[in-house]
Amino acid sequence: MGGSWMRLGMVGLGRMGANLVRRLGKAGIGAVVWDRDAAAVAALAQEGAEPADSLADLVARLPSPRAIWVMLPAGEATEGALGELATLLAPGDVAIDGGNGMWKDAVRHGAMLRERGVDFLDIGTSGGVWGLARGYCLMIGGPAEPVARLDPIFRALAPGEAAAPPTPGRTSADPRPAHGYVHCGPNGAGHFTKMVHNAIEYGMMQAMAEGLELLHAHDAQLPVPEITEAWRRGSVVASWLLDLTAQALAQDGELSGFTGRVGDSGEGRWAVQAAIESAVPAPVLSAALYARFRSRQDGPFADRALSAMRNAFGGHLEPGRPIGEGPSGTKP
């Protein structure tokens, strides 16, 4: 890694941060790296990145004007890093939040850093663990000048034009979207766009999961792995998400290695909140978020209340409970 006139500072070397550095290195763009985990720093140093032993050391190692990308979880970790950077950076430098931050926080961070003459970019970064090989879709919010100045970095990270065929009839003077990155607008726009992106992802995943459940439940014992493999070719629902699902089913048609407890990292909640604030109906996005909440419950109180109500007004027993057995499992 290295050998380029342009260098980036990377704070946070988890799966995403480390692979961003590796992809830049393949394009000849060097990086100075720091993480609280010294082993993560040492690992990338062995691959050619320049290690720093503190955030202040990272800033000192970069030539002006600096560009420092923070790739940390939203909340306390990112707040702390950006707050410290505000005291270390100089006018003309750029601080970047590439994590899944709340868009309103990005607006606030931009205003805080602008008071010190430091530019701020909020960049929604999509690509996950496959980004190193496939590239990262970048949704950028912030002033136009630093976005243009750092274009070589964004172009190196993005998938490139070859990742998808041109959209028929599309005409635009801006070549960047066709490469997989877009300047969405001022501070907050990047993270807002990524928030909506992830909420759509929730909805798509939920729709696919429910359809697969319906196939799996059919009396004819339908060959679900073979069906998803066929769907990958020529069907309307063909997608990278379906590709990944078909891979998982090919390995284990029952998906027995998964518990079905699905997490959420915040963007779905923020999207539903934004929909409420904007009076924009979003029933699919909301239902997909609630389905994730439900997946993490085991015999929730609401279900027990429903059973109690059915039993009280109609004498309906819960499925599987022997006739004559009371609600508590004891004989009346």
C-alpha atoms as a PDB file:
ATOM      1  CA  MET A   1       0.000   0.000   0.000  1.00  0.00           C
ATOM      2  CA  GLY A   2       1.260   3.473  -0.722  1.00  0.00           C
ATOM      3  CA  GLY A   3       3.280   5.078  -3.436  1.00  0.00           C
ATOM      4  CA  SER A   4       0.721   7.756  -4.241  1.00  0.00           C
ATOM      5  CA  TRP A   5       0.754  11.495  -3.745  1.00  0.00           C
ATOM      6  CA  MET A   6      -2.626  11.150  -2.029  1.00  0.00           C
ATOM      7  CA  ARG A   7      -2.907   9.622   1.412  1.00  0.00           C
ATOM      8  CA  LEU A   8      -5.852   9.058   3.701  1.00  0.00           C
ATOM      9  CA  GLY A   9      -6.067   8.666   7.446  1.00  0.00           C
ATOM     10  CA  MET A  10      -8.336   5.814   8.572  1.00  0.00           C
ATOM     11  CA  VAL A  11      -9.696   5.666  12.122  1.00  0.00           C
ATOM     12  CA  GLY A  12     -11.369   2.349  12.937  1.00  0.00           C
ATOM     13  CA  LEU A  13     -10.081  -0.894  11.447  1.00  0.00           C
ATOM     14  CA  GLY A  14     -13.000  -3.252  11.733  1.00  0.00           C
ATOM     15  CA  ARG A  15     -14.152  -5.286   8.743  1.00  0.00           C
ATOM     16  CA  MET A  16     -15.215  -2.217   6.766  1.00  0.00           C
ATOM     17  CA  GLY A  17     -12.436   0.177   7.751  1.00  0.00           C
ATOM     18  CA  ALA A  18      -9.648  -2.327   7.128  1.00  0.00           C
ATOM     19  CA  ASN A  19     -11.005  -3.343   3.733  1.00  0.00           C
ATOM     20  CA  LEU A  20     -11.431   0.285   2.676  1.00  0.00           C
ATOM     21  CA  VAL A  21      -7.714   0.720   3.333  1.00  0.00           C
ATOM     22  CA  ARG A  22      -6.908  -2.441   1.393  1.00  0.00           C
ATOM     23  CA  ARG A  23      -8.966  -1.369  -1.619  1.00  0.00           C
ATOM     24  CA  LEU A  24      -7.304   2.047  -1.644  1.00  0.00           C
ATOM     25  CA  GLY A  25      -3.928   0.345  -1.461  1.00  0.00           C
ATOM     26  CA  LYS A  26      -4.725  -1.649  -4.589  1.00  0.00           C
ATOM     27  CA  ALA A  27      -5.272   1.674  -6.364  1.00  0.00           C
ATOM     28  CA  GLY A  28      -1.943   3.042  -5.106  1.00  0.00           C
ATOM     29  CA  ILE A  29      -3.441   5.328  -2.471  1.00  0.00           C
ATOM     30  CA  GLY A  30      -1.610   5.088   0.840  1.00  0.00           C
ATOM     31  CA  ALA A  31      -3.131   5.204   4.305  1.00  0.00           C
ATOM     32  CA  VAL A  32      -2.121   6.067   7.833  1.00  0.00           C
ATOM     33  CA  VAL A  33      -4.172   3.893  10.192  1.00  0.00           C
ATOM     34  CA  TRP A  34      -5.155   3.873  13.836  1.00  0.00           C
ATOM     35  CA  ASP A  35      -7.448   1.806  16.019  1.00  0.00           C
ATOM     36  CA  ARG A  36      -7.704   1.187  19.758  1.00  0.00           C
ATOM     37  CA  ASP A  37      -6.933  -2.442  18.918  1.00  0.00           C
ATOM     38  CA  ALA A  38      -3.159  -2.485  18.389  1.00  0.00           C
ATOM     39  CA  ALA A  39      -3.371  -5.899  16.717  1.00  0.00           C
ATOM     40  CA  ALA A  40      -5.617  -4.492  13.983  1.00  0.00           C
ATOM     41  CA  VAL A  41      -3.106  -1.701  13.359  1.00  0.00           C
ATOM     42  CA  ALA A  42      -0.213  -4.165  13.253  1.00  0.00           C
ATOM     43  CA  ALA A  43      -2.043  -6.400  10.776  1.00  0.00           C
ATOM     44  CA  LEU A  44      -2.526  -3.590   8.269  1.00  0.00           C
ATOM     45  CA  ALA A  45       1.018  -2.334   8.847  1.00  0.00           C
ATOM     46  CA  GLN A  46       2.232  -5.737   7.656  1.00  0.00           C
ATOM     47  CA  GLU A  47       0.273  -5.125   4.449  1.00  0.00           C
ATOM     48  CA  GLY A  48       1.933  -1.765   3.853  1.00  0.00           C
ATOM     49  CA  ALA A  49      -0.211   0.775   5.693  1.00  0.00           C
ATOM     50  CA  GLU A  50       1.554   3.305   7.924  1.00  0.00           C
ATOM     51  CA  PRO A  51       0.680   2.686  11.593  1.00  0.00           C
ATOM     52  CA  ALA A  52      -0.092   5.413  14.119  1.00  0.00           C
ATOM     53  CA  ASP A  53      -0.179   4.949  17.879  1.00  0.00           C
ATOM     54  CA  SER A  54      -2.844   7.573  18.602  1.00  0.00           C
ATOM     55  CA  LEU A  55      -5.291   9.852  16.850  1.00  0.00           C
ATOM     56  CA  ALA A  56      -2.921  12.782  17.367  1.00  0.00           C
ATOM     57  CA  ASP A  57      -0.059  10.756  15.881  1.00  0.00           C
ATOM     58  CA  LEU A  58      -2.206   9.895  12.855  1.00  0.00           C
ATOM     59  CA  VAL A  59      -2.961  13.567  12.236  1.00  0.00           C
ATOM     60  CA  ALA A  60       0.716  14.500  12.601  1.00  0.00           C
ATOM     61  CA  ARG A  61       1.780  11.900  10.031  1.00  0.00           C
ATOM     62  CA  LEU A  62      -0.464  13.246   7.276  1.00  0.00           C
ATOM     63  CA  PRO A  63       0.523  16.178   5.035  1.00  0.00           C
ATOM     64  CA  SER A  64      -1.816  19.149   4.783  1.00  0.00           C
ATOM     65  CA  PRO A  65      -4.528  19.402   3.682  1.00  0.00           C
ATOM     66  CA  ARG A  66      -5.444  16.206   5.491  1.00  0.00           C
ATOM     67  CA  ALA A  67      -8.355  13.854   4.900  1.00  0.00           C
ATOM     68  CA  ILE A  68      -9.291  11.553   7.773  1.00  0.00           C
ATOM     69  CA  TRP A  69     -12.002   8.917   7.466  1.00  0.00           C
ATOM     70  CA  VAL A  70     -13.704   7.771  10.681  1.00  0.00           C
ATOM     71  CA  MET A  71     -15.209   4.280  10.361  1.00  0.00           C
ATOM     72  CA  LEU A  72     -16.657   3.625  13.804  1.00  0.00           C
ATOM     73  CA  PRO A  73     -20.062   2.653  15.227  1.00  0.00           C
ATOM     74  CA  ALA A  74     -22.558   5.494  15.489  1.00  0.00           C
ATOM     75  CA  GLY A  75     -22.832   7.100  18.887  1.00  0.00           C
ATOM     76  CA  GLU A  76     -20.203   7.513  21.551  1.00  0.00           C
ATOM     77  CA  ALA A  77     -17.258   6.158  19.539  1.00  0.00           C
ATOM     78  CA  THR A  78     -17.855   8.431  16.551  1.00  0.00           C
ATOM     79  CA  GLU A  79     -18.739  11.428  18.708  1.00  0.00           C
ATOM     80  CA  GLY A  80     -15.484  11.029  20.633  1.00  0.00           C
ATOM     81  CA  ALA A  81     -13.332  10.657  17.526  1.00  0.00           C
ATOM     82  CA  LEU A  82     -14.848  13.659  15.741  1.00  0.00           C
ATOM     83  CA  GLY A  83     -14.669  15.761  18.902  1.00  0.00           C
ATOM     84  CA  GLU A  84     -10.962  15.008  19.253  1.00  0.00           C
ATOM     85  CA  LEU A  85     -10.328  15.619  15.561  1.00  0.00           C
ATOM     86  CA  ALA A  86     -11.943  19.030  15.895  1.00  0.00           C
ATOM     87  CA  THR A  87      -9.092  19.995  18.234  1.00  0.00           C
ATOM     88  CA  LEU A  88      -6.358  18.479  16.052  1.00  0.00           C
ATOM     89  CA  LEU A  89      -7.243  19.410  12.471  1.00  0.00           C
ATOM     90  CA  ALA A  90      -6.429  22.682  10.727  1.00  0.00           C
ATOM     91  CA  PRO A  91      -8.455  24.843   8.323  1.00  0.00           C
ATOM     92  CA  GLY A  92      -8.661  23.159   4.936  1.00  0.00           C
ATOM     93  CA  ASP A  93      -8.574  19.637   6.378  1.00  0.00           C
ATOM     94  CA  VAL A  94     -11.461  17.206   5.832  1.00  0.00           C
ATOM     95  CA  ALA A  95     -13.055  14.895   8.386  1.00  0.00           C
ATOM     96  CA  ILE A  96     -15.235  12.066   7.075  1.00  0.00           C
ATOM     97  CA  ASP A  97     -17.798   9.961   8.901  1.00  0.00           C
ATOM     98  CA  GLY A  98     -18.256   6.821   6.811  1.00  0.00           C
ATOM     99  CA  GLY A  99     -20.229   4.813   9.369  1.00  0.00           C
ATOM    100  CA  ASN A 100     -23.976   4.366   9.710  1.00  0.00           C
ATOM    101  CA  GLY A 101     -24.550   7.631  11.528  1.00  0.00           C
ATOM    102  CA  MET A 102     -27.802   9.470  12.144  1.00  0.00           C
ATOM    103  CA  TRP A 103     -28.234  12.147   9.470  1.00  0.00           C
ATOM    104  CA  LYS A 104     -29.173  14.850  11.980  1.00  0.00           C
ATOM    105  CA  ASP A 105     -25.894  14.182  13.786  1.00  0.00           C
ATOM    106  CA  ALA A 106     -24.073  14.740  10.483  1.00  0.00           C
ATOM    107  CA  VAL A 107     -25.661  18.177  10.162  1.00  0.00           C
ATOM    108  CA  ARG A 108     -24.485  18.982  13.691  1.00  0.00           C
ATOM    109  CA  HIS A 109     -20.984  17.639  13.106  1.00  0.00           C
ATOM    110  CA  GLY A 110     -20.672  19.669   9.913  1.00  0.00           C
ATOM    111  CA  ALA A 111     -21.602  22.878  11.730  1.00  0.00           C
ATOM    112  CA  MET A 112     -19.167  22.146  14.589  1.00  0.00           C
ATOM    113  CA  LEU A 113     -16.215  21.521  12.289  1.00  0.00           C
ATOM    114  CA  ARG A 114     -17.096  24.380   9.948  1.00  0.00           C
ATOM    115  CA  GLU A 115     -16.615  26.805  12.853  1.00  0.00           C
ATOM    116  CA  ARG A 116     -12.973  25.674  12.910  1.00  0.00           C
ATOM    117  CA  GLY A 117     -12.520  25.917   9.148  1.00  0.00           C
ATOM    118  CA  VAL A 118     -12.571  22.133   8.764  1.00  0.00           C
ATOM    119  CA  ASP A 119     -14.738  20.522   6.098  1.00  0.00           C
ATOM    120  CA  PHE A 120     -16.924  17.563   6.973  1.00  0.00           C
ATOM    121  CA  LEU A 121     -18.348  14.833   4.744  1.00  0.00           C
ATOM    122  CA  ASP A 122     -20.926  12.266   5.801  1.00  0.00           C
ATOM    123  CA  ILE A 123     -20.597   9.241   3.533  1.00  0.00           C
ATOM    124  CA  GLY A 124     -23.025   6.361   3.518  1.00  0.00           C
ATOM    125  CA  THR A 125     -20.912   3.330   2.633  1.00  0.00           C
ATOM    126  CA  SER A 126     -22.554   0.207   1.248  1.00  0.00           C
ATOM    127  CA  GLY A 127     -20.745  -2.964   0.285  1.00  0.00           C
ATOM    128  CA  GLY A 128     -20.269  -4.892   3.486  1.00  0.00           C
ATOM    129  CA  VAL A 129     -17.780  -7.740   3.604  1.00  0.00           C
ATOM    130  CA  TRP A 130     -17.860  -7.996  -0.206  1.00  0.00           C
ATOM    131  CA  GLY A 131     -16.752  -4.403  -0.753  1.00  0.00           C
ATOM    132  CA  LEU A 132     -13.047  -5.180  -1.027  1.00  0.00           C
ATOM    133  CA  ALA A 133     -13.634  -7.229  -4.158  1.00  0.00           C
ATOM    134  CA  ARG A 134     -16.800  -5.613  -5.557  1.00  0.00           C
ATOM    135  CA  GLY A 135     -16.284  -2.015  -4.512  1.00  0.00           C
ATOM    136  CA  TYR A 136     -18.326   0.281  -2.283  1.00  0.00           C
ATOM    137  CA  CYS A 137     -21.377   2.331  -3.224  1.00  0.00           C
ATOM    138  CA  LEU A 138     -20.797   5.761  -1.680  1.00  0.00           C
ATOM    139  CA  MET A 139     -23.504   8.298  -0.824  1.00  0.00           C
ATOM    140  CA  ILE A 140     -21.789  11.594  -0.030  1.00  0.00           C
ATOM    141  CA  GLY A 141     -23.057  14.632   1.848  1.00  0.00           C
ATOM    142  CA  GLY A 142     -21.104  17.857   2.270  1.00  0.00           C
ATOM    143  CA  PRO A 143     -19.562  20.818   0.434  1.00  0.00           C
ATOM    144  CA  ALA A 144     -18.718  20.398  -3.243  1.00  0.00           C
ATOM    145  CA  GLU A 145     -15.059  21.494  -3.025  1.00  0.00           C
ATOM    146  CA  PRO A 146     -13.721  18.735  -0.745  1.00  0.00           C
ATOM    147  CA  VAL A 147     -15.897  16.203  -2.558  1.00  0.00           C
ATOM    148  CA  ALA A 148     -14.201  17.166  -5.829  1.00  0.00           C
ATOM    149  CA  ARG A 149     -10.738  17.241  -4.256  1.00  0.00           C
ATOM    150  CA  LEU A 150     -11.087  13.737  -2.851  1.00  0.00           C
ATOM    151  CA  ASP A 151     -12.571  12.312  -6.042  1.00  0.00           C
ATOM    152  CA  PRO A 152      -9.591   9.943  -6.651  1.00  0.00           C
ATOM    153  CA  ILE A 153     -10.306   8.295  -3.294  1.00  0.00           C
ATOM    154  CA  PHE A 154     -14.000   7.854  -4.000  1.00  0.00           C
ATOM    155  CA  ARG A 155     -13.359   6.551  -7.505  1.00  0.00           C
ATOM    156  CA  ALA A 156     -10.872   4.010  -6.173  1.00  0.00           C
ATOM    157  CA  LEU A 157     -13.368   2.733  -3.594  1.00  0.00           C
ATOM    158  CA  ALA A 158     -16.397   2.622  -5.895  1.00  0.00           C
ATOM    159  CA  PRO A 159     -17.291  -0.420  -8.040  1.00  0.00           C
ATOM    160  CA  GLY A 160     -16.807   1.390 -11.372  1.00  0.00           C
ATOM    161  CA  GLU A 161     -18.846   1.561 -14.556  1.00  0.00           C
ATOM    162  CA  ALA A 162     -18.320  -2.104 -15.378  1.00  0.00           C
ATOM    163  CA  ALA A 163     -20.330  -3.151 -12.300  1.00  0.00           C
ATOM    164  CA  ALA A 164     -23.634  -2.587 -14.131  1.00  0.00           C
ATOM    165  CA  PRO A 165     -24.706  -1.907 -17.715  1.00  0.00           C
ATOM    166  CA  PRO A 166     -25.636   1.699 -18.583  1.00  0.00           C
ATOM    167  CA  THR A 167     -29.223   2.698 -17.848  1.00  0.00           C
ATOM    168  CA  PRO A 168     -31.012   3.086 -21.202  1.00  0.00           C
ATOM    169  CA  GLY A 169     -32.015   6.676 -21.883  1.00  0.00           C
ATOM    170  CA  ARG A 170     -30.041   8.114 -18.967  1.00  0.00           C
ATOM    171  CA  THR A 171     -28.248  11.360 -19.743  1.00  0.00           C
ATOM    172  CA  SER A 172     -26.245  13.228 -17.119  1.00  0.00           C
ATOM    173  CA  ALA A 173     -23.298  15.563 -17.050  1.00  0.00           C
ATOM    174  CA  ASP A 174     -22.161  13.979 -13.776  1.00  0.00           C
ATOM    175  CA  PRO A 175     -20.168  10.779 -14.453  1.00  0.00           C
ATOM    176  CA  ARG A 176     -19.876   9.785 -10.790  1.00  0.00           C
ATOM    177  CA  PRO A 177     -23.183   7.901 -10.273  1.00  0.00           C
ATOM    178  CA  ALA A 178     -22.361   5.554 -13.131  1.00  0.00           C
ATOM    179  CA  HIS A 179     -19.182   4.635 -11.257  1.00  0.00           C
ATOM    180  CA  GLY A 180     -21.106   3.897  -8.039  1.00  0.00           C
ATOM    181  CA  TYR A 181     -20.771   7.086  -5.986  1.00  0.00           C
ATOM    182  CA  VAL A 182     -22.968  10.158  -5.774  1.00  0.00           C
ATOM    183  CA  HIS A 183     -22.814  13.603  -4.198  1.00  0.00           C
ATOM    184  CA  CYS A 184     -26.271  13.700  -2.617  1.00  0.00           C
ATOM    185  CA  GLY A 185     -26.227  17.252  -1.241  1.00  0.00           C
ATOM    186  CA  PRO A 186     -25.137  19.172   1.880  1.00  0.00           C
ATOM    187  CA  ASN A 187     -24.158  17.692   5.222  1.00  0.00           C
ATOM    188  CA  GLY A 188     -26.717  15.139   6.332  1.00  0.00           C
ATOM    189  CA  ALA A 189     -27.713  14.156   2.798  1.00  0.00           C
ATOM    190  CA  GLY A 190     -25.228  11.294   2.604  1.00  0.00           C
ATOM    191  CA  HIS A 191     -26.343   9.611   5.800  1.00  0.00           C
ATOM    192  CA  PHE A 192     -30.017  10.322   5.070  1.00  0.00           C
ATOM    193  CA  THR A 193     -29.669   8.566   1.717  1.00  0.00           C
ATOM    194  CA  LYS A 194     -27.892   5.602   3.328  1.00  0.00           C
ATOM    195  CA  MET A 195     -30.612   5.443   5.993  1.00  0.00           C
ATOM    196  CA  VAL A 196     -33.280   5.116   3.300  1.00  0.00           C
ATOM    197  CA  HIS A 197     -31.107   2.616   1.422  1.00  0.00           C
ATOM    198  CA  ASN A 198     -30.898   0.392   4.487  1.00  0.00           C
ATOM    199  CA  ALA A 199     -34.619   0.683   5.184  1.00  0.00           C
ATOM    200  CA  ILE A 200     -35.321  -0.474   1.613  1.00  0.00           C
ATOM    201  CA  GLU A 201     -32.890  -3.321   2.250  1.00  0.00           C
ATOM    202  CA  TYR A 202     -34.951  -4.318   5.312  1.00  0.00           C
ATOM    203  CA  GLY A 203     -38.117  -4.393   3.196  1.00  0.00           C
ATOM    204  CA  MET A 204     -36.551  -6.402   0.378  1.00  0.00           C
ATOM    205  CA  MET A 205     -35.103  -8.921   2.796  1.00  0.00           C
ATOM    206  CA  GLN A 206     -38.409  -9.318   4.627  1.00  0.00           C
ATOM    207  CA  ALA A 207     -40.368  -9.846   1.404  1.00  0.00           C
ATOM    208  CA  MET A 208     -37.902 -12.483   0.236  1.00  0.00           C
ATOM    209  CA  ALA A 209     -37.879 -14.214   3.631  1.00  0.00           C
ATOM    210  CA  GLU A 210     -41.679 -14.387   3.759  1.00  0.00           C
ATOM    211  CA  GLY A 211     -41.849 -15.787   0.220  1.00  0.00           C
ATOM    212  CA  LEU A 212     -39.275 -18.445   1.037  1.00  0.00           C
ATOM    213  CA  GLU A 213     -41.241 -19.343   4.186  1.00  0.00           C
ATOM    214  CA  LEU A 214     -44.354 -19.836   2.038  1.00  0.00           C
ATOM    215  CA  LEU A 215     -42.446 -22.120  -0.343  1.00  0.00           C
ATOM    216  CA  HIS A 216     -40.923 -24.050   2.556  1.00  0.00           C
ATOM    217  CA  ALA A 217     -44.331 -24.617   4.191  1.00  0.00           C
ATOM    218  CA  HIS A 218     -45.997 -26.116   1.093  1.00  0.00           C
ATOM    219  CA  ASP A 219     -47.290 -29.679   1.507  1.00  0.00           C
ATOM    220  CA  ALA A 220     -45.445 -30.813  -1.633  1.00  0.00           C
ATOM    221  CA  GLN A 221     -42.064 -30.136  -0.001  1.00  0.00           C
ATOM    222  CA  LEU A 222     -40.946 -27.770  -2.755  1.00  0.00           C
ATOM    223  CA  PRO A 223     -37.196 -27.729  -3.587  1.00  0.00           C
ATOM    224  CA  VAL A 224     -36.475 -24.248  -2.263  1.00  0.00           C
ATOM    225  CA  PRO A 225     -32.714 -24.221  -3.017  1.00  0.00           C
ATOM    226  CA  GLU A 226     -33.384 -25.225  -6.640  1.00  0.00           C
ATOM    227  CA  ILE A 227     -36.163 -22.648  -6.985  1.00  0.00           C
ATOM    228  CA  THR A 228     -33.938 -19.801  -5.802  1.00  0.00           C
ATOM    229  CA  GLU A 229     -31.202 -20.980  -8.171  1.00  0.00           C
ATOM    230  CA  ALA A 230     -33.645 -20.835 -11.091  1.00  0.00           C
ATOM    231  CA  TRP A 231     -34.918 -17.412 -10.000  1.00  0.00           C
ATOM    232  CA  ARG A 232     -31.390 -16.041 -10.369  1.00  0.00           C
ATOM    233  CA  ARG A 233     -31.738 -16.348 -14.141  1.00  0.00           C
ATOM    234  CA  GLY A 234     -34.268 -14.184 -15.948  1.00  0.00           C
ATOM    235  CA  SER A 235     -36.765 -13.660 -13.130  1.00  0.00           C
ATOM    236  CA  VAL A 236     -37.998 -10.251 -12.032  1.00  0.00           C
ATOM    237  CA  VAL A 237     -36.712 -10.846  -8.493  1.00  0.00           C
ATOM    238  CA  ALA A 238     -33.163 -11.682  -9.617  1.00  0.00           C
ATOM    239  CA  SER A 239     -30.693  -9.623  -7.557  1.00  0.00           C
ATOM    240  CA  TRP A 240     -27.450  -9.787  -5.610  1.00  0.00           C
ATOM    241  CA  LEU A 241     -29.542 -10.358  -2.483  1.00  0.00           C
ATOM    242  CA  LEU A 242     -31.096 -13.401  -4.142  1.00  0.00           C
ATOM    243  CA  ASP A 243     -27.616 -14.571  -5.191  1.00  0.00           C
ATOM    244  CA  LEU A 244     -26.472 -14.515  -1.559  1.00  0.00           C
ATOM    245  CA  THR A 245     -29.652 -16.258  -0.409  1.00  0.00           C
ATOM    246  CA  ALA A 246     -29.219 -18.996  -3.002  1.00  0.00           C
ATOM    247  CA  GLN A 247     -25.642 -19.512  -1.807  1.00  0.00           C
ATOM    248  CA  ALA A 248     -26.811 -19.964   1.778  1.00  0.00           C
ATOM    249  CA  LEU A 249     -29.544 -22.407   0.728  1.00  0.00           C
ATOM    250  CA  ALA A 250     -27.112 -24.394  -1.428  1.00  0.00           C
ATOM    251  CA  GLN A 251     -24.985 -24.959   1.664  1.00  0.00           C
ATOM    252  CA  ASP A 252     -27.921 -25.859   3.938  1.00  0.00           C
ATOM    253  CA  GLY A 253     -31.439 -26.047   2.538  1.00  0.00           C
ATOM    254  CA  GLU A 254     -32.937 -25.834   6.021  1.00  0.00           C
ATOM    255  CA  LEU A 255     -30.704 -22.926   7.159  1.00  0.00           C
ATOM    256  CA  SER A 256     -30.289 -24.886  10.369  1.00  0.00           C
ATOM    257  CA  GLY A 257     -27.196 -22.947  11.384  1.00  0.00           C
ATOM    258  CA  PHE A 258     -29.261 -19.809  12.008  1.00  0.00           C
ATOM    259  CA  THR A 259     -31.545 -19.039  14.935  1.00  0.00           C
ATOM    260  CA  GLY A 260     -33.698 -16.497  13.102  1.00  0.00           C
ATOM    261  CA  ARG A 261     -33.032 -13.721  15.600  1.00  0.00           C
ATOM    262  CA  VAL A 262     -32.424 -10.714  13.345  1.00  0.00           C
ATOM    263  CA  GLY A 263     -30.629  -7.607  14.565  1.00  0.00           C
ATOM    264  CA  ASP A 264     -31.003  -3.997  13.478  1.00  0.00           C
ATOM    265  CA  SER A 265     -28.335  -1.315  13.611  1.00  0.00           C
ATOM    266  CA  GLY A 266     -30.485   1.812  13.810  1.00  0.00           C
ATOM    267  CA  GLU A 267     -31.112   2.979  10.255  1.00  0.00           C
ATOM    268  CA  GLY A 268     -34.495   1.247   9.992  1.00  0.00           C
ATOM    269  CA  ARG A 269     -35.699   2.957  13.157  1.00  0.00           C
ATOM    270  CA  TRP A 270     -34.462   6.353  11.963  1.00  0.00           C
ATOM    271  CA  ALA A 271     -36.154   5.836   8.582  1.00  0.00           C
ATOM    272  CA  VAL A 272     -39.504   5.095  10.202  1.00  0.00           C
ATOM    273  CA  GLN A 273     -39.069   8.168  12.407  1.00  0.00           C
ATOM    274  CA  ALA A 274     -38.274  10.268   9.317  1.00  0.00           C
ATOM    275  CA  ALA A 275     -41.359   8.921   7.564  1.00  0.00           C
ATOM    276  CA  ILE A 276     -43.513   9.940  10.518  1.00  0.00           C
ATOM    277  CA  GLU A 277     -41.932  13.396  10.663  1.00  0.00           C
ATOM    278  CA  SER A 278     -42.486  13.854   6.909  1.00  0.00           C
ATOM    279  CA  ALA A 279     -45.975  12.276   6.883  1.00  0.00           C
ATOM    280  CA  VAL A 280     -44.743   9.839   4.226  1.00  0.00           C
ATOM    281  CA  PRO A 281     -46.549   6.474   4.348  1.00  0.00           C
ATOM    282  CA  ALA A 282     -43.982   3.682   4.734  1.00  0.00           C
ATOM    283  CA  PRO A 283     -45.940   0.556   5.718  1.00  0.00           C
ATOM    284  CA  VAL A 284     -43.488  -1.939   4.210  1.00  0.00           C
ATOM    285  CA  LEU A 285     -40.432  -0.353   5.802  1.00  0.00           C
ATOM    286  CA  SER A 286     -42.219  -0.155   9.153  1.00  0.00           C
ATOM    287  CA  ALA A 287     -43.447  -3.751   9.017  1.00  0.00           C
ATOM    288  CA  ALA A 288     -39.961  -4.998   8.112  1.00  0.00           C
ATOM    289  CA  LEU A 289     -38.492  -3.231  11.137  1.00  0.00           C
ATOM    290  CA  TYR A 290     -41.163  -4.605  13.463  1.00  0.00           C
ATOM    291  CA  ALA A 291     -40.566  -8.101  12.067  1.00  0.00           C
ATOM    292  CA  ARG A 292     -36.958  -7.829  13.227  1.00  0.00           C
ATOM    293  CA  PHE A 293     -38.104  -6.830  16.691  1.00  0.00           C
ATOM    294  CA  ARG A 294     -40.463  -9.819  16.737  1.00  0.00           C
ATOM    295  CA  SER A 295     -37.713 -12.216  15.658  1.00  0.00           C
ATOM    296  CA  ARG A 296     -35.874 -11.510  18.891  1.00  0.00           C
ATOM    297  CA  GLN A 297     -38.821 -12.408  21.130  1.00  0.00           C
ATOM    298  CA  ASP A 298     -39.619 -15.849  22.523  1.00  0.00           C
ATOM    299  CA  GLY A 299     -43.237 -16.317  23.527  1.00  0.00           C
ATOM    300  CA  PRO A 300     -43.807 -12.555  23.913  1.00  0.00           C
ATOM    301  CA  PHE A 301     -46.353 -11.176  26.371  1.00  0.00           C
ATOM    302  CA  ALA A 302     -48.542  -9.948  23.490  1.00  0.00           C
ATOM    303  CA  ASP A 303     -48.973 -13.510  22.193  1.00  0.00           C
ATOM    304  CA  ARG A 304     -49.836 -14.800  25.647  1.00  0.00           C
ATOM    305  CA  ALA A 305     -52.379 -11.988  25.984  1.00  0.00           C
ATOM    306  CA  LEU A 306     -53.950 -12.975  22.636  1.00  0.00           C
ATOM    307  CA  SER A 307     -54.226 -16.590  23.772  1.00  0.00           C
ATOM    308  CA  ALA A 308     -55.823 -15.485  27.042  1.00  0.00           C
ATOM    309  CA  MET A 309     -58.386 -13.341  25.218  1.00  0.00           C
ATOM    310  CA  ARG A 310     -59.355 -16.127  22.760  1.00  0.00           C
ATOM    311  CA  ASN A 311     -59.705 -18.554  25.622  1.00  0.00           C
ATOM    312  CA  ALA A 312     -61.779 -16.102  27.669  1.00  0.00           C
ATOM    313  CA  PHE A 313     -64.338 -15.117  25.063  1.00  0.00           C
ATOM    314  CA  GLY A 314     -64.570 -18.344  23.064  1.00  0.00           C
ATOM    315  CA  GLY A 315     -63.006 -21.106  25.080  1.00  0.00           C
ATOM    316  CA  HIS A 316     -60.365 -21.542  22.365  1.00  0.00           C
ATOM    317  CA  LEU A 317     -57.418 -23.670  23.420  1.00  0.00           C
ATOM    318  CA  GLU A 318     -53.899 -22.923  22.265  1.00  0.00           C
ATOM    319  CA  PRO A 319     -52.772 -25.235  19.425  1.00  0.00           C
ATOM    320  CA  GLY A 320     -51.154 -28.349  20.828  1.00  0.00           C
ATOM    321  CA  ARG A 321     -52.646 -28.035  24.306  1.00  0.00           C
ATOM    322  CA  PRO A 322     -54.628 -31.130  25.356  1.00  0.00           C
ATOM    323  CA  ILE A 323     -58.397 -30.772  25.763  1.00  0.00           C
ATOM    324  CA  GLY A 324     -59.289 -30.194  29.387  1.00  0.00           C
ATOM    325  CA  GLU A 325     -55.937 -28.626  30.277  1.00  0.00           C
ATOM    326  CA  GLY A 326     -56.171 -25.162  31.762  1.00  0.00           C
ATOM    327  CA  PRO A 327     -54.265 -22.044  30.653  1.00  0.00           C
ATOM    328  CA  SER A 328     -51.492 -22.644  33.152  1.00  0.00           C
ATOM    329  CA  GLY A 329     -50.897 -26.182  31.919  1.00  0.00           C
ATOM    330  CA  THR A 330     -52.656 -27.768  34.903  1.00  0.00           C
ATOM    331  CA  LYS A 331     -55.874 -29.728  34.905  1.00  0.00           C
ATOM    332  CA  PRO A 332     -58.924 -27.626  35.900  1.00  0.00           C
END
